[in-house]
């Protein structure tokens, strides 16, 4: 992913046949363009995820730039370098004590092999990856699901705790309240084994709504819901 055109067409046909609302969303939102970043290491991806927690994009980018500047001879620091860096130096570029502890735990678990190298990671199934990586301090299921989708390109990931996915479902399906994660997971079973594509299009639904281009759903959907809440992703304060 981006998969060959024939595979993408097969995925789209499956989603259209499984669900008329999703089928309409695919038609309106257009081409599927999710492309995995296969060259990034798990340490790179998870360290950046830790840096981004509870920050807007600009603030996180500033801290990550300062982080890279601590290691001018390296494109991105190795785990050993991070472990050898004084806590106060990391604090000085904007990391909280909790994030420094999370970075050190990530580095330590990368060196020990709990966080596998890229080749080993690709050989594991989704559940195995989630189980191993959520053992790192500050890394929750949502963060690992983003890695599965955007780094590894796994085709059947539905991040039911993601605010944008749930909000996109609310908008595209014309329901009053946010779907509960459990209800969304049960409803989304019909999209398997291509739930990553479905989630990507639910994110697009939010964008379409903002532009006034999201059509009303062609059928009515009933699903358990509750008042909107913030995304319950893993966070380190």
Protein backbone atom coordinates (compact mmCIF):
# COMPACT_ATOMS: atom_id res chain seq x y z
CA UNK A 1 0.00 0.00 0.00
CA UNK A 2 -0.09 2.00 -2.13
CA UNK A 3 -1.11 -1.42 -3.49
CA UNK A 4 -1.18 -2.35 -7.17
CA UNK A 5 -4.17 -0.91 -9.00
CA UNK A 6 -5.84 -4.31 -9.31
CA UNK A 7 -5.65 -4.85 -5.54
CA UNK A 8 -6.98 -1.38 -4.76
CA UNK A 9 -9.89 -1.97 -7.14
CA UNK A 10 -10.62 -5.29 -5.40
CA UNK A 11 -10.58 -3.55 -2.02
CA UNK A 12 -12.92 -0.83 -3.24
CA UNK A 13 -15.34 -3.38 -4.71
CA UNK A 14 -15.42 -5.24 -1.41
CA UNK A 15 -16.22 -2.10 0.58
CA UNK A 16 -18.90 -0.96 -1.87
CA UNK A 17 -20.57 -4.36 -1.74
CA UNK A 18 -20.37 -4.54 2.04
CA UNK A 19 -21.80 -1.12 2.83
CA UNK A 20 -23.71 1.41 0.64
CA UNK A 21 -22.66 4.40 2.79
CA UNK A 22 -18.99 3.46 2.55
CA UNK A 23 -19.48 2.89 -1.16
CA UNK A 24 -20.81 6.42 -1.58
CA UNK A 25 -17.92 7.81 0.45
CA UNK A 26 -15.39 6.04 -1.76
CA UNK A 27 -17.02 7.55 -4.85
CA UNK A 28 -17.09 11.10 -3.47
CA UNK A 29 -13.66 11.10 -1.82
CA UNK A 30 -11.84 9.69 -4.83
CA UNK A 31 -8.48 7.98 -5.10
CA UNK A 32 -6.97 6.02 -2.22
CA UNK A 33 -3.46 7.42 -1.65
CA UNK A 34 -2.18 5.92 1.60
CA UNK A 35 1.47 4.99 1.10
CA UNK A 36 3.52 3.33 3.86
CA UNK A 37 6.91 4.64 4.96
CA UNK A 38 8.71 1.32 4.78
CA UNK A 39 12.21 2.77 5.18
CA UNK A 40 11.58 4.09 8.70
CA UNK A 41 12.71 2.03 11.68
CA UNK A 42 10.34 1.25 14.55
CA UNK A 43 12.55 3.33 16.84
CA UNK A 44 12.27 6.32 14.48
CA UNK A 45 8.50 6.04 14.24
CA UNK A 46 7.86 5.52 17.95
CA UNK A 47 10.29 8.23 19.09
CA UNK A 48 8.49 10.70 16.84
CA UNK A 49 5.14 9.50 18.14
CA UNK A 50 6.27 10.17 21.71
CA UNK A 51 7.46 13.65 20.73
CA UNK A 52 4.11 14.45 19.11
CA UNK A 53 1.92 13.46 22.04
CA UNK A 54 -0.21 16.32 23.41
CA UNK A 55 1.41 18.87 21.10
CA UNK A 56 0.29 20.63 17.96
CA UNK A 57 2.22 19.95 14.76
CA UNK A 58 4.33 23.10 14.91
CA UNK A 59 5.49 22.58 18.50
CA UNK A 60 6.26 18.92 17.89
CA UNK A 61 8.24 19.74 14.73
CA UNK A 62 10.31 22.29 16.66
CA UNK A 63 11.18 19.79 19.38
CA UNK A 64 12.03 17.09 16.85
CA UNK A 65 14.32 19.50 15.01
CA UNK A 66 16.10 20.35 18.25
CA UNK A 67 16.31 16.66 19.06
CA UNK A 68 18.01 15.94 15.74
CA UNK A 69 20.37 18.90 16.27
CA UNK A 70 21.72 17.20 19.41
CA UNK A 71 23.24 14.56 17.12
CA UNK A 72 24.65 16.48 14.13
CA UNK A 73 26.54 13.49 12.75
CA UNK A 74 23.43 11.33 12.51
CA UNK A 75 20.29 11.59 10.40
CA UNK A 76 18.41 10.25 13.43
CA UNK A 77 20.03 9.18 16.70
CA UNK A 78 20.53 5.50 17.50
CA UNK A 79 18.95 4.17 20.70
CA UNK A 80 22.38 3.96 22.34
CA UNK A 81 22.93 7.69 21.78
CA UNK A 82 19.56 8.58 23.28
CA UNK A 83 20.27 6.49 26.38
CA UNK A 84 23.64 8.23 26.77
CA UNK A 85 22.10 11.71 26.55
CA UNK A 86 21.71 13.53 29.84
CA UNK A 87 18.13 13.92 30.98
CA UNK A 88 18.49 17.68 31.39
CA UNK A 89 19.74 18.07 27.81
CA UNK A 90 16.59 16.37 26.59
CA UNK A 91 14.52 18.48 28.95
CA UNK A 92 16.23 21.57 27.57
CA UNK A 93 14.90 21.01 24.05
CA UNK A 94 11.31 20.74 25.25
CA UNK A 95 10.70 17.15 26.38
CA UNK A 96 8.89 16.68 29.68
CA UNK A 97 10.34 14.32 32.27
CA UNK A 98 7.64 11.80 31.34
CA UNK A 99 8.60 11.95 27.67
CA UNK A 100 12.29 11.60 28.49
CA UNK A 101 11.45 8.50 30.52
CA UNK A 102 9.40 7.17 27.60
CA UNK A 103 12.24 7.82 25.12
CA UNK A 104 14.75 6.09 27.38
CA UNK A 105 12.44 3.11 27.83
CA UNK A 106 11.93 2.94 24.06
CA UNK A 107 15.69 3.05 23.49
CA UNK A 108 16.33 0.40 26.13
CA UNK A 109 13.66 -1.93 24.75
CA UNK A 110 14.96 -1.40 21.21
CA UNK A 111 18.46 -2.42 22.25
CA UNK A 112 17.13 -5.46 24.13
CA UNK A 113 15.00 -6.53 21.16
CA UNK A 114 11.58 -6.04 22.73
CA UNK A 115 11.06 -3.44 20.00
CA UNK A 116 12.18 -5.45 16.98
CA UNK A 117 14.19 -4.31 14.00
CA UNK A 118 12.24 -3.55 10.83
CA UNK A 119 12.75 -6.97 9.22
CA UNK A 120 11.51 -8.79 12.31
CA UNK A 121 8.62 -6.37 12.75
CA UNK A 122 7.37 -7.08 9.24
CA UNK A 123 7.32 -10.81 9.98
CA UNK A 124 4.94 -10.41 12.94
CA UNK A 125 1.17 -10.25 12.70
CA UNK A 126 -0.77 -7.21 13.88
CA UNK A 127 -1.68 -8.64 17.29
CA UNK A 128 1.93 -9.61 18.01
CA UNK A 129 3.15 -6.13 17.10
CA UNK A 130 0.53 -4.47 19.31
CA UNK A 131 1.41 -6.74 22.23
CA UNK A 132 5.13 -6.04 21.98
CA UNK A 133 5.11 -2.33 21.30
CA UNK A 134 2.51 -1.40 23.90
CA UNK A 135 4.98 -2.72 26.45
CA UNK A 136 6.98 0.47 25.90
CA UNK A 137 6.27 3.28 28.34
CA UNK A 138 4.00 5.89 26.76
CA UNK A 139 3.07 3.76 23.74
CA UNK A 140 -0.57 2.74 23.59
CA UNK A 141 -2.64 0.78 21.14
CA UNK A 142 -3.60 3.81 19.04
CA UNK A 143 0.06 4.72 18.45
CA UNK A 144 0.84 1.18 17.32
CA UNK A 145 -2.20 1.14 15.05
CA UNK A 146 -0.88 4.28 13.34
CA UNK A 147 2.46 2.53 12.83
CA UNK A 148 0.68 -0.51 11.38
CA UNK A 149 -1.20 1.69 8.94
CA UNK A 150 1.28 4.38 7.97
CA UNK A 151 4.63 2.60 8.30
CA UNK A 152 3.83 -1.01 7.54
CA UNK A 153 0.80 -0.56 5.29
CA UNK A 154 -1.20 -3.31 7.01
CA UNK A 155 -4.55 -3.59 5.22
CA UNK A 156 -6.94 -4.53 8.03
CA UNK A 157 -6.51 -1.99 10.85
CA UNK A 158 -9.51 -0.10 12.28
CA UNK A 159 -8.43 2.36 15.03
CA UNK A 160 -11.76 2.53 16.84
CA UNK A 161 -10.40 4.91 19.51
CA UNK A 162 -9.32 7.48 16.93
CA UNK A 163 -11.41 10.65 17.20
CA UNK A 164 -11.17 11.40 13.49
CA UNK A 165 -12.30 7.94 12.44
CA UNK A 166 -15.26 8.00 14.82
CA UNK A 167 -16.19 11.53 13.83
CA UNK A 168 -15.92 10.65 10.16
CA UNK A 169 -18.29 7.75 10.73
CA UNK A 170 -20.72 10.04 12.56
CA UNK A 171 -20.72 12.49 9.67
CA UNK A 172 -20.76 10.03 6.76
CA UNK A 173 -23.47 7.87 8.30
CA UNK A 174 -25.58 10.78 9.51
CA UNK A 175 -25.85 9.75 13.15
CA UNK A 176 -26.35 12.20 16.01
CA UNK A 177 -23.71 11.06 18.49
CA UNK A 178 -20.22 9.64 18.22
CA UNK A 179 -20.24 5.85 17.87
CA UNK A 180 -18.71 4.01 20.80
CA UNK A 181 -15.43 2.26 19.97
CA UNK A 182 -17.04 -1.12 20.60
CA UNK A 183 -20.01 -0.37 18.36
CA UNK A 184 -17.75 0.94 15.60
CA UNK A 185 -15.60 -2.16 15.84
CA UNK A 186 -18.66 -4.40 15.51
CA UNK A 187 -20.08 -2.40 12.61
CA UNK A 188 -16.70 -2.25 10.89
CA UNK A 189 -16.33 -6.03 10.86
CA UNK A 190 -18.14 -5.94 7.51
CA UNK A 191 -15.21 -4.01 6.02
CA UNK A 192 -12.66 -6.72 6.84
CA UNK A 193 -10.13 -7.58 5.53
CA UNK A 194 -9.74 -3.99 4.26
CA UNK A 195 -10.52 -1.92 7.33
CA UNK A 196 -7.45 0.29 6.82
CA UNK A 197 -8.97 1.61 3.60
CA UNK A 198 -12.30 2.16 5.34
CA UNK A 199 -10.62 4.11 8.16
CA UNK A 200 -8.72 6.24 5.64
CA UNK A 201 -11.97 7.16 3.92
CA UNK A 202 -13.61 8.01 7.24
CA UNK A 203 -10.83 10.56 7.78
CA UNK A 204 -11.64 11.94 4.32
CA UNK A 205 -15.29 12.30 5.38
CA UNK A 206 -14.27 14.92 7.94
CA UNK A 207 -12.44 16.87 5.24
CA UNK A 208 -15.39 16.63 2.86
CA UNK A 209 -17.77 17.89 5.56
CA UNK A 210 -15.55 20.92 6.18
CA UNK A 211 -15.70 21.74 2.46
CA UNK A 212 -19.45 21.21 2.30
CA UNK A 213 -19.06 18.26 -0.09
CA UNK A 214 -20.17 15.34 2.05
CA UNK A 215 -23.52 14.01 0.77
CA UNK A 216 -26.23 12.68 3.08
CA UNK A 217 -26.11 8.91 3.61
CA UNK A 218 -28.16 6.82 1.15
CA UNK A 219 -29.47 4.60 3.96
CA UNK A 220 -30.14 5.02 7.65
CA UNK A 221 -27.68 3.48 10.12
CA UNK A 222 -28.35 2.55 13.73
CA UNK A 223 -25.36 2.22 16.02
CA UNK A 224 -24.67 2.68 19.73
CA UNK A 225 -23.31 6.16 20.35
CA UNK A 226 -22.33 8.66 22.98
CA UNK A 227 -21.40 12.31 23.21
CA UNK A 228 -18.15 13.17 21.41
CA UNK A 229 -14.98 12.88 23.42
CA UNK A 230 -11.34 13.46 22.63
CA UNK A 231 -9.40 10.68 20.98
CA UNK A 232 -8.25 8.21 23.61
CA UNK A 233 -4.80 7.69 22.12
CA UNK A 234 -1.75 6.92 24.22
CA UNK A 235 -0.35 10.15 25.65
CA UNK A 236 2.59 11.12 27.80
CA UNK A 237 2.29 14.46 29.62
